[in-house]
Full PDB file with SEQRES, HELIX, SHEET, SSBOND, CRYST1, ORIGX, SCALE, CONECT and MASTER records, all heavy atoms in Angstrom:
SEQRES   1 A   31  LEU SER LYS GLY ARG GLN VAL SER LEU THR LYS GLY LEU          
SEQRES   2 A   31  SER SER LEU ARG VAL SER VAL GLU TRP LYS PRO ASN THR          
SEQRES   3 A   31  ARG ALA ARG ASN SER                                          
CRYST1    1.000    1.000    1.000  90.00  90.00  90.00 P 1           1          
ORIGX1      1.000000  0.000000  0.000000        0.00000                         
ORIGX2      0.000000  1.000000  0.000000        0.00000                         
ORIGX3      0.000000  0.000000  1.000000        0.00000                         
SCALE1      1.000000  0.000000  0.000000        0.00000                         
SCALE2      0.000000  1.000000  0.000000        0.00000                         
SCALE3      0.000000  0.000000  1.000000        0.00000                         
ATOM      1  N   LEU A   1       6.036   0.912  -6.567  1.00  0.00           N  
ATOM      2  CA  LEU A   1       6.494  -0.444  -6.304  1.00  0.00           C  
ATOM      3  C   LEU A   1       5.735  -1.458  -7.147  1.00  0.00           C  
ATOM      4  O   LEU A   1       4.575  -1.245  -7.490  1.00  0.00           O  
ATOM      5  CB  LEU A   1       6.307  -0.800  -4.824  1.00  0.00           C  
ATOM      6  CG  LEU A   1       7.043   0.051  -3.798  1.00  0.00           C  
ATOM      7  CD1 LEU A   1       6.741  -0.454  -2.395  1.00  0.00           C  
ATOM      8  CD2 LEU A   1       8.539   0.038  -4.053  1.00  0.00           C  
ATOM      9  N   SER A   2       6.388  -2.534  -7.446  1.00  0.00           N  
ATOM     10  CA  SER A   2       5.748  -3.697  -8.045  1.00  0.00           C  
ATOM     11  C   SER A   2       6.052  -4.891  -7.144  1.00  0.00           C  
ATOM     12  O   SER A   2       6.926  -4.829  -6.279  1.00  0.00           O  
ATOM     13  CB  SER A   2       6.274  -3.945  -9.463  1.00  0.00           C  
ATOM     14  OG  SER A   2       7.687  -4.088  -9.457  1.00  0.00           O  
ATOM     15  N   LYS A   3       5.324  -5.949  -7.318  1.00  0.00           N  
ATOM     16  CA  LYS A   3       5.451  -7.131  -6.454  1.00  0.00           C  
ATOM     17  C   LYS A   3       6.900  -7.611  -6.401  1.00  0.00           C  
ATOM     18  O   LYS A   3       7.544  -7.808  -7.430  1.00  0.00           O  
ATOM     19  CB  LYS A   3       4.542  -8.240  -6.979  1.00  0.00           C  
ATOM     20  CG  LYS A   3       4.482  -9.476  -6.087  1.00  0.00           C  
ATOM     21  CD  LYS A   3       3.453 -10.444  -6.617  1.00  0.00           C  
ATOM     22  CE  LYS A   3       3.342 -11.678  -5.752  1.00  0.00           C  
ATOM     23  NZ  LYS A   3       2.283 -12.612  -6.229  1.00  0.00           N  
ATOM     24  N   GLY A   4       7.423  -7.770  -5.191  1.00  0.00           N  
ATOM     25  CA  GLY A   4       8.778  -8.263  -4.991  1.00  0.00           C  
ATOM     26  C   GLY A   4       9.842  -7.183  -4.876  1.00  0.00           C  
ATOM     27  O   GLY A   4      10.963  -7.464  -4.453  1.00  0.00           O  
ATOM     28  N   ARG A   5       9.496  -5.949  -5.215  1.00  0.00           N  
ATOM     29  CA  ARG A   5      10.511  -4.891  -5.173  1.00  0.00           C  
ATOM     30  C   ARG A   5      10.784  -4.460  -3.727  1.00  0.00           C  
ATOM     31  O   ARG A   5       9.872  -4.363  -2.906  1.00  0.00           O  
ATOM     32  CB  ARG A   5      10.062  -3.670  -5.977  1.00  0.00           C  
ATOM     33  CG  ARG A   5      11.140  -2.594  -6.045  1.00  0.00           C  
ATOM     34  CD  ARG A   5      10.768  -1.428  -6.925  1.00  0.00           C  
ATOM     35  NE  ARG A   5      11.835  -0.427  -6.927  1.00  0.00           N  
ATOM     36  CZ  ARG A   5      11.761   0.756  -7.525  1.00  0.00           C  
ATOM     37  NH1 ARG A   5      10.674   1.081  -8.198  1.00  0.00           N  
ATOM     38  NH2 ARG A   5      12.771   1.600  -7.461  1.00  0.00           N  
ATOM     39  N   GLN A   6      12.055  -4.179  -3.447  1.00  0.00           N  
ATOM     40  CA  GLN A   6      12.481  -3.720  -2.133  1.00  0.00           C  
ATOM     41  C   GLN A   6      13.090  -2.331  -2.257  1.00  0.00           C  
ATOM     42  O   GLN A   6      13.847  -2.064  -3.181  1.00  0.00           O  
ATOM     43  CB  GLN A   6      13.521  -4.670  -1.528  1.00  0.00           C  
ATOM     44  CG  GLN A   6      13.021  -6.093  -1.315  1.00  0.00           C  
ATOM     45  CD  GLN A   6      14.098  -6.993  -0.745  1.00  0.00           C  
ATOM     46  OE1 GLN A   6      15.280  -6.723  -0.865  1.00  0.00           O  
ATOM     47  NE2 GLN A   6      13.673  -8.078  -0.107  1.00  0.00           N  
ATOM     48  N   VAL A   7      12.738  -1.456  -1.301  1.00  0.00           N  
ATOM     49  CA  VAL A   7      13.272  -0.096  -1.295  1.00  0.00           C  
ATOM     50  C   VAL A   7      13.715   0.251   0.124  1.00  0.00           C  
ATOM     51  O   VAL A   7      12.937   0.084   1.076  1.00  0.00           O  
ATOM     52  CB  VAL A   7      12.232   0.929  -1.784  1.00  0.00           C  
ATOM     53  CG1 VAL A   7      12.778   2.354  -1.643  1.00  0.00           C  
ATOM     54  CG2 VAL A   7      11.854   0.662  -3.238  1.00  0.00           C  
ATOM     55  N   SER A   8      14.943   0.722   0.274  1.00  0.00           N  
ATOM     56  CA  SER A   8      15.420   1.170   1.583  1.00  0.00           C  
ATOM     57  C   SER A   8      14.832   2.538   1.906  1.00  0.00           C  
ATOM     58  O   SER A   8      14.748   3.404   1.035  1.00  0.00           O  
ATOM     59  CB  SER A   8      16.949   1.236   1.591  1.00  0.00           C  
ATOM     60  OG  SER A   8      17.508  -0.053   1.501  1.00  0.00           O  
ATOM     61  N   LEU A   9      14.437   2.703   3.147  1.00  0.00           N  
ATOM     62  CA  LEU A   9      13.866   3.963   3.605  1.00  0.00           C  
ATOM     63  C   LEU A   9      14.967   4.836   4.218  1.00  0.00           C  
ATOM     64  O   LEU A   9      16.081   4.374   4.459  1.00  0.00           O  
ATOM     65  CB  LEU A   9      12.766   3.690   4.628  1.00  0.00           C  
ATOM     66  CG  LEU A   9      11.595   2.860   4.081  1.00  0.00           C  
ATOM     67  CD1 LEU A   9      10.685   2.414   5.208  1.00  0.00           C  
ATOM     68  CD2 LEU A   9      10.806   3.647   3.050  1.00  0.00           C  
ATOM     69  N   THR A  10      14.638   6.086   4.449  1.00  0.00           N  
ATOM     70  CA  THR A  10      15.602   7.029   4.997  1.00  0.00           C  
ATOM     71  C   THR A  10      16.078   6.569   6.370  1.00  0.00           C  
ATOM     72  O   THR A  10      15.271   6.181   7.223  1.00  0.00           O  
ATOM     73  CB  THR A  10      14.972   8.430   5.114  1.00  0.00           C  
ATOM     74  OG1 THR A  10      14.514   8.832   3.817  1.00  0.00           O  
ATOM     75  CG2 THR A  10      15.984   9.439   5.624  1.00  0.00           C  
ATOM     76  N   LYS A  11      17.360   6.610   6.598  1.00  0.00           N  
ATOM     77  CA  LYS A  11      17.929   6.183   7.874  1.00  0.00           C  
ATOM     78  C   LYS A  11      17.547   7.169   8.975  1.00  0.00           C  
ATOM     79  O   LYS A  11      17.495   8.374   8.768  1.00  0.00           O  
ATOM     80  CB  LYS A  11      19.451   6.086   7.765  1.00  0.00           C  
ATOM     81  CG  LYS A  11      20.126   5.473   8.974  1.00  0.00           C  
ATOM     82  CD  LYS A  11      21.605   5.273   8.732  1.00  0.00           C  
ATOM     83  CE  LYS A  11      22.277   4.600   9.913  1.00  0.00           C  
ATOM     84  NZ  LYS A  11      23.729   4.360   9.675  1.00  0.00           N  
ATOM     85  N   GLY A  12      17.243   6.638  10.162  1.00  0.00           N  
ATOM     86  CA  GLY A  12      16.955   7.487  11.308  1.00  0.00           C  
ATOM     87  C   GLY A  12      15.570   8.089  11.332  1.00  0.00           C  
ATOM     88  O   GLY A  12      15.362   9.142  11.944  1.00  0.00           O  
ATOM     89  N   LEU A  13      14.594   7.449  10.718  1.00  0.00           N  
ATOM     90  CA  LEU A  13      13.224   7.969  10.711  1.00  0.00           C  
ATOM     91  C   LEU A  13      12.661   8.045  12.132  1.00  0.00           C  
ATOM     92  O   LEU A  13      12.881   7.154  12.954  1.00  0.00           O  
ATOM     93  CB  LEU A  13      12.318   7.062   9.884  1.00  0.00           C  
ATOM     94  CG  LEU A  13      12.490   7.075   8.363  1.00  0.00           C  
ATOM     95  CD1 LEU A  13      11.634   5.984   7.748  1.00  0.00           C  
ATOM     96  CD2 LEU A  13      12.117   8.426   7.792  1.00  0.00           C  
ATOM     97  N   SER A  14      11.910   9.104  12.398  1.00  0.00           N  
ATOM     98  CA  SER A  14      11.237   9.212  13.690  1.00  0.00           C  
ATOM     99  C   SER A  14       9.869   8.540  13.646  1.00  0.00           C  
ATOM    100  O   SER A  14       9.373   8.051  14.670  1.00  0.00           O  
ATOM    101  CB  SER A  14      11.094  10.677  14.107  1.00  0.00           C  
ATOM    102  OG  SER A  14      10.315  11.386  13.152  1.00  0.00           O  
ATOM    103  N   SER A  15       9.245   8.511  12.471  1.00  0.00           N  
ATOM    104  CA  SER A  15       7.953   7.839  12.338  1.00  0.00           C  
ATOM    105  C   SER A  15       7.716   7.448  10.884  1.00  0.00           C  
ATOM    106  O   SER A  15       8.305   8.011   9.965  1.00  0.00           O  
ATOM    107  CB  SER A  15       6.806   8.738  12.822  1.00  0.00           C  
ATOM    108  OG  SER A  15       6.625   9.838  11.952  1.00  0.00           O  
ATOM    109  N   LEU A  16       6.834   6.483  10.735  1.00  0.00           N  
ATOM    110  CA  LEU A  16       6.480   5.973   9.412  1.00  0.00           C  
ATOM    111  C   LEU A  16       4.982   5.712   9.421  1.00  0.00           C  
ATOM    112  O   LEU A  16       4.455   5.121  10.366  1.00  0.00           O  
ATOM    113  CB  LEU A  16       7.245   4.672   9.151  1.00  0.00           C  
ATOM    114  CG  LEU A  16       7.352   4.168   7.720  1.00  0.00           C  
ATOM    115  CD1 LEU A  16       8.261   5.077   6.909  1.00  0.00           C  
ATOM    116  CD2 LEU A  16       7.918   2.753   7.716  1.00  0.00           C  
ATOM    117  N   ARG A  17       4.281   6.186   8.398  1.00  0.00           N  
ATOM    118  CA  ARG A  17       2.840   5.937   8.299  1.00  0.00           C  
ATOM    119  C   ARG A  17       2.573   5.044   7.096  1.00  0.00           C  
ATOM    120  O   ARG A  17       3.002   5.333   5.984  1.00  0.00           O  
ATOM    121  CB  ARG A  17       2.079   7.259   8.158  1.00  0.00           C  
ATOM    122  CG  ARG A  17       0.569   7.079   7.985  1.00  0.00           C  
ATOM    123  CD  ARG A  17      -0.185   8.377   8.283  1.00  0.00           C  
ATOM    124  NE  ARG A  17       0.200   9.459   7.391  1.00  0.00           N  
ATOM    125  CZ  ARG A  17      -0.479   9.819   6.304  1.00  0.00           C  
ATOM    126  NH1 ARG A  17      -1.572   9.148   5.953  1.00  0.00           N  
ATOM    127  NH2 ARG A  17      -0.077  10.841   5.569  1.00  0.00           N  
ATOM    128  N   VAL A  18       1.870   3.948   7.347  1.00  0.00           N  
ATOM    129  CA  VAL A  18       1.503   3.014   6.284  1.00  0.00           C  
ATOM    130  C   VAL A  18      -0.007   3.053   6.125  1.00  0.00           C  
ATOM    131  O   VAL A  18      -0.755   2.752   7.059  1.00  0.00           O  
ATOM    132  CB  VAL A  18       1.977   1.581   6.607  1.00  0.00           C  
ATOM    133  CG1 VAL A  18       1.549   0.617   5.497  1.00  0.00           C  
ATOM    134  CG2 VAL A  18       3.497   1.545   6.791  1.00  0.00           C  
ATOM    135  N   SER A  19      -0.461   3.445   4.948  1.00  0.00           N  
ATOM    136  CA  SER A  19      -1.881   3.609   4.665  1.00  0.00           C  
ATOM    137  C   SER A  19      -2.318   2.586   3.621  1.00  0.00           C  
ATOM    138  O   SER A  19      -1.618   2.356   2.634  1.00  0.00           O  
ATOM    139  CB  SER A  19      -2.140   5.034   4.158  1.00  0.00           C  
ATOM    140  OG  SER A  19      -3.464   5.172   3.687  1.00  0.00           O  
ATOM    141  N   VAL A  20      -3.481   1.978   3.847  1.00  0.00           N  
ATOM    142  CA  VAL A  20      -4.060   1.031   2.898  1.00  0.00           C  
ATOM    143  C   VAL A  20      -5.405   1.589   2.447  1.00  0.00           C  
ATOM    144  O   VAL A  20      -6.259   1.901   3.273  1.00  0.00           O  
ATOM    145  CB  VAL A  20      -4.251  -0.360   3.528  1.00  0.00           C  
ATOM    146  CG1 VAL A  20      -4.767  -1.348   2.474  1.00  0.00           C  
ATOM    147  CG2 VAL A  20      -2.971  -0.859   4.153  1.00  0.00           C  
ATOM    148  N   GLU A  21      -5.586   1.724   1.141  1.00  0.00           N  
ATOM    149  CA  GLU A  21      -6.809   2.317   0.609  1.00  0.00           C  
ATOM    150  C   GLU A  21      -7.426   1.390  -0.438  1.00  0.00           C  
ATOM    151  O   GLU A  21      -6.719   0.659  -1.133  1.00  0.00           O  
ATOM    152  CB  GLU A  21      -6.498   3.675  -0.030  1.00  0.00           C  
ATOM    153  CG  GLU A  21      -5.872   4.678   0.939  1.00  0.00           C  
ATOM    154  CD  GLU A  21      -5.396   5.942   0.249  1.00  0.00           C  
ATOM    155  OE1 GLU A  21      -5.635   6.072  -0.971  1.00  0.00           O  
ATOM    156  OE2 GLU A  21      -4.780   6.781   0.921  1.00  0.00           O  
ATOM    157  N   TRP A  22      -8.738   1.441  -0.557  1.00  0.00           N  
ATOM    158  CA  TRP A  22      -9.450   0.635  -1.541  1.00  0.00           C  
ATOM    159  C   TRP A  22     -10.812   1.259  -1.822  1.00  0.00           C  
ATOM    160  O   TRP A  22     -11.276   2.130  -1.095  1.00  0.00           O  
ATOM    161  CB  TRP A  22      -9.626  -0.800  -1.030  1.00  0.00           C  
ATOM    162  CG  TRP A  22     -10.511  -0.886   0.169  1.00  0.00           C  
ATOM    163  CD1 TRP A  22     -11.868  -0.998   0.208  1.00  0.00           C  
ATOM    164  CD2 TRP A  22     -10.093  -0.848   1.540  1.00  0.00           C  
ATOM    165  NE1 TRP A  22     -12.328  -1.026   1.496  1.00  0.00           N  
ATOM    166  CE2 TRP A  22     -11.254  -0.942   2.333  1.00  0.00           C  
ATOM    167  CE3 TRP A  22      -8.847  -0.752   2.159  1.00  0.00           C  
ATOM    168  CZ2 TRP A  22     -11.201  -0.928   3.714  1.00  0.00           C  
ATOM    169  CZ3 TRP A  22      -8.803  -0.744   3.544  1.00  0.00           C  
ATOM    170  CH2 TRP A  22      -9.955  -0.832   4.298  1.00  0.00           C  
ATOM    171  N   LYS A  23     -11.450   0.768  -2.875  1.00  0.00           N  
ATOM    172  CA  LYS A  23     -12.805   1.175  -3.221  1.00  0.00           C  
ATOM    173  C   LYS A  23     -13.605  -0.080  -3.561  1.00  0.00           C  
ATOM    174  O   LYS A  23     -13.048  -1.070  -4.036  1.00  0.00           O  
ATOM    175  CB  LYS A  23     -12.810   2.127  -4.427  1.00  0.00           C  
ATOM    176  CG  LYS A  23     -12.123   3.461  -4.167  1.00  0.00           C  
ATOM    177  CD  LYS A  23     -12.142   4.312  -5.427  1.00  0.00           C  
ATOM    178  CE  LYS A  23     -11.420   5.638  -5.198  1.00  0.00           C  
ATOM    179  NZ  LYS A  23     -11.399   6.472  -6.428  1.00  0.00           N  
ATOM    180  N   PRO A  24     -14.918  -0.052  -3.347  1.00  0.00           N  
ATOM    181  CA  PRO A  24     -15.741  -1.203  -3.732  1.00  0.00           C  
ATOM    182  C   PRO A  24     -15.721  -1.396  -5.251  1.00  0.00           C  
ATOM    183  O   PRO A  24     -15.751  -0.426  -6.014  1.00  0.00           O  
ATOM    184  CB  PRO A  24     -17.144  -0.813  -3.253  1.00  0.00           C  
ATOM    185  CG  PRO A  24     -16.934   0.257  -2.237  1.00  0.00           C  
ATOM    186  CD  PRO A  24     -15.712   0.990  -2.660  1.00  0.00           C  
ATOM    187  N   ASN A  25     -15.675  -2.634  -5.677  1.00  0.00           N  
ATOM    188  CA  ASN A  25     -15.742  -2.966  -7.091  1.00  0.00           C  
ATOM    189  C   ASN A  25     -17.205  -3.236  -7.448  1.00  0.00           C  
ATOM    190  O   ASN A  25     -17.732  -4.312  -7.184  1.00  0.00           O  
ATOM    191  CB  ASN A  25     -14.877  -4.190  -7.395  1.00  0.00           C  
ATOM    192  CG  ASN A  25     -14.945  -4.593  -8.851  1.00  0.00           C  
ATOM    193  OD1 ASN A  25     -15.467  -3.850  -9.696  1.00  0.00           O  
ATOM    194  ND2 ASN A  25     -14.420  -5.767  -9.169  1.00  0.00           N  
ATOM    195  N   THR A  26     -17.859  -2.262  -8.025  1.00  0.00           N  
ATOM    196  CA  THR A  26     -19.294  -2.379  -8.304  1.00  0.00           C  
ATOM    197  C   THR A  26     -19.598  -3.379  -9.414  1.00  0.00           C  
ATOM    198  O   THR A  26     -20.748  -3.761  -9.611  1.00  0.00           O  
ATOM    199  CB  THR A  26     -19.882  -1.010  -8.694  1.00  0.00           C  
ATOM    200  OG1 THR A  26     -19.155  -0.489  -9.825  1.00  0.00           O  
ATOM    201  CG2 THR A  26     -19.767  -0.035  -7.535  1.00  0.00           C  
ATOM    202  N   ARG A  27     -18.548  -3.831 -10.113  1.00  0.00           N  
ATOM    203  CA  ARG A  27     -18.761  -4.799 -11.194  1.00  0.00           C  
ATOM    204  C   ARG A  27     -18.580  -6.239 -10.732  1.00  0.00           C  
ATOM    205  O   ARG A  27     -18.771  -7.168 -11.507  1.00  0.00           O  
ATOM    206  CB  ARG A  27     -17.787  -4.513 -12.347  1.00  0.00           C  
ATOM    207  CG  ARG A  27     -18.041  -3.169 -13.024  1.00  0.00           C  
ATOM    208  CD  ARG A  27     -17.136  -2.989 -14.219  1.00  0.00           C  
ATOM    209  NE  ARG A  27     -17.403  -1.728 -14.912  1.00  0.00           N  
ATOM    210  CZ  ARG A  27     -16.795  -1.348 -16.025  1.00  0.00           C  
ATOM    211  NH1 ARG A  27     -15.852  -2.123 -16.569  1.00  0.00           N  
ATOM    212  NH2 ARG A  27     -17.106  -0.188 -16.588  1.00  0.00           N  
ATOM    213  N   ALA A  28     -18.214  -6.425  -9.483  1.00  0.00           N  
ATOM    214  CA  ALA A  28     -18.033  -7.780  -8.968  1.00  0.00           C  
ATOM    215  C   ALA A  28     -19.368  -8.514  -8.927  1.00  0.00           C  
ATOM    216  O   ALA A  28     -20.431  -7.902  -8.793  1.00  0.00           O  
ATOM    217  CB  ALA A  28     -17.417  -7.736  -7.578  1.00  0.00           C  
ATOM    218  N   ARG A  29     -19.294  -9.833  -8.988  1.00  0.00           N  
ATOM    219  CA  ARG A  29     -20.499 -10.652  -9.079  1.00  0.00           C  
ATOM    220  C   ARG A  29     -21.432 -10.432  -7.881  1.00  0.00           C  
ATOM    221  O   ARG A  29     -22.638 -10.371  -8.031  1.00  0.00           O  
ATOM    222  CB  ARG A  29     -20.102 -12.138  -9.162  1.00  0.00           C  
ATOM    223  CG  ARG A  29     -21.275 -13.101  -9.238  1.00  0.00           C  
ATOM    224  CD  ARG A  29     -20.788 -14.519  -9.508  1.00  0.00           C  
ATOM    225  NE  ARG A  29     -19.786 -14.917  -8.544  1.00  0.00           N  
ATOM    226  CZ  ARG A  29     -20.076 -15.444  -7.356  1.00  0.00           C  
ATOM    227  NH1 ARG A  29     -21.333 -15.628  -7.006  1.00  0.00           N  
ATOM    228  NH2 ARG A  29     -19.119 -15.813  -6.532  1.00  0.00           N  
ATOM    229  N   ASN A  30     -20.886 -10.321  -6.674  1.00  0.00           N  
ATOM    230  CA  ASN A  30     -21.714 -10.119  -5.484  1.00  0.00           C  
ATOM    231  C   ASN A  30     -21.423  -8.760  -4.865  1.00  0.00           C  
ATOM    232  O   ASN A  30     -21.320  -8.618  -3.643  1.00  0.00           O  
ATOM    233  CB  ASN A  30     -21.488 -11.235  -4.467  1.00  0.00           C  
ATOM    234  CG  ASN A  30     -20.002 -11.456  -4.185  1.00  0.00           C  
ATOM    235  OD1 ASN A  30     -19.148 -10.863  -4.832  1.00  0.00           O  
ATOM    236  ND2 ASN A  30     -19.710 -12.302  -3.220  1.00  0.00           N  
ATOM    237  N   SER A  31     -21.324  -7.744  -5.722  1.00  0.00           N  
ATOM    238  CA  SER A  31     -20.956  -6.401  -5.265  1.00  0.00           C  
ATOM    239  C   SER A  31     -22.023  -5.752  -4.384  1.00  0.00           C  
ATOM    240  O   SER A  31     -21.763  -4.759  -3.733  1.00  0.00           O  
ATOM    241  CB  SER A  31     -20.665  -5.489  -6.465  1.00  0.00           C  
ATOM    242  OG  SER A  31     -21.804  -5.373  -7.293  1.00  0.00           O  
TER     243      SER A  31                                                      
MASTER        0    0    0    0    0    0    0    6  242    1    0    3          
END                                                                             
């Protein structure tokens, strides 16, 4: 996906898992 894109999901889903992942940015000014 890119910002603004919409995608239809499979009809009749029993469950959906939404995961958010990240890592620390060691190069940030106050990392």
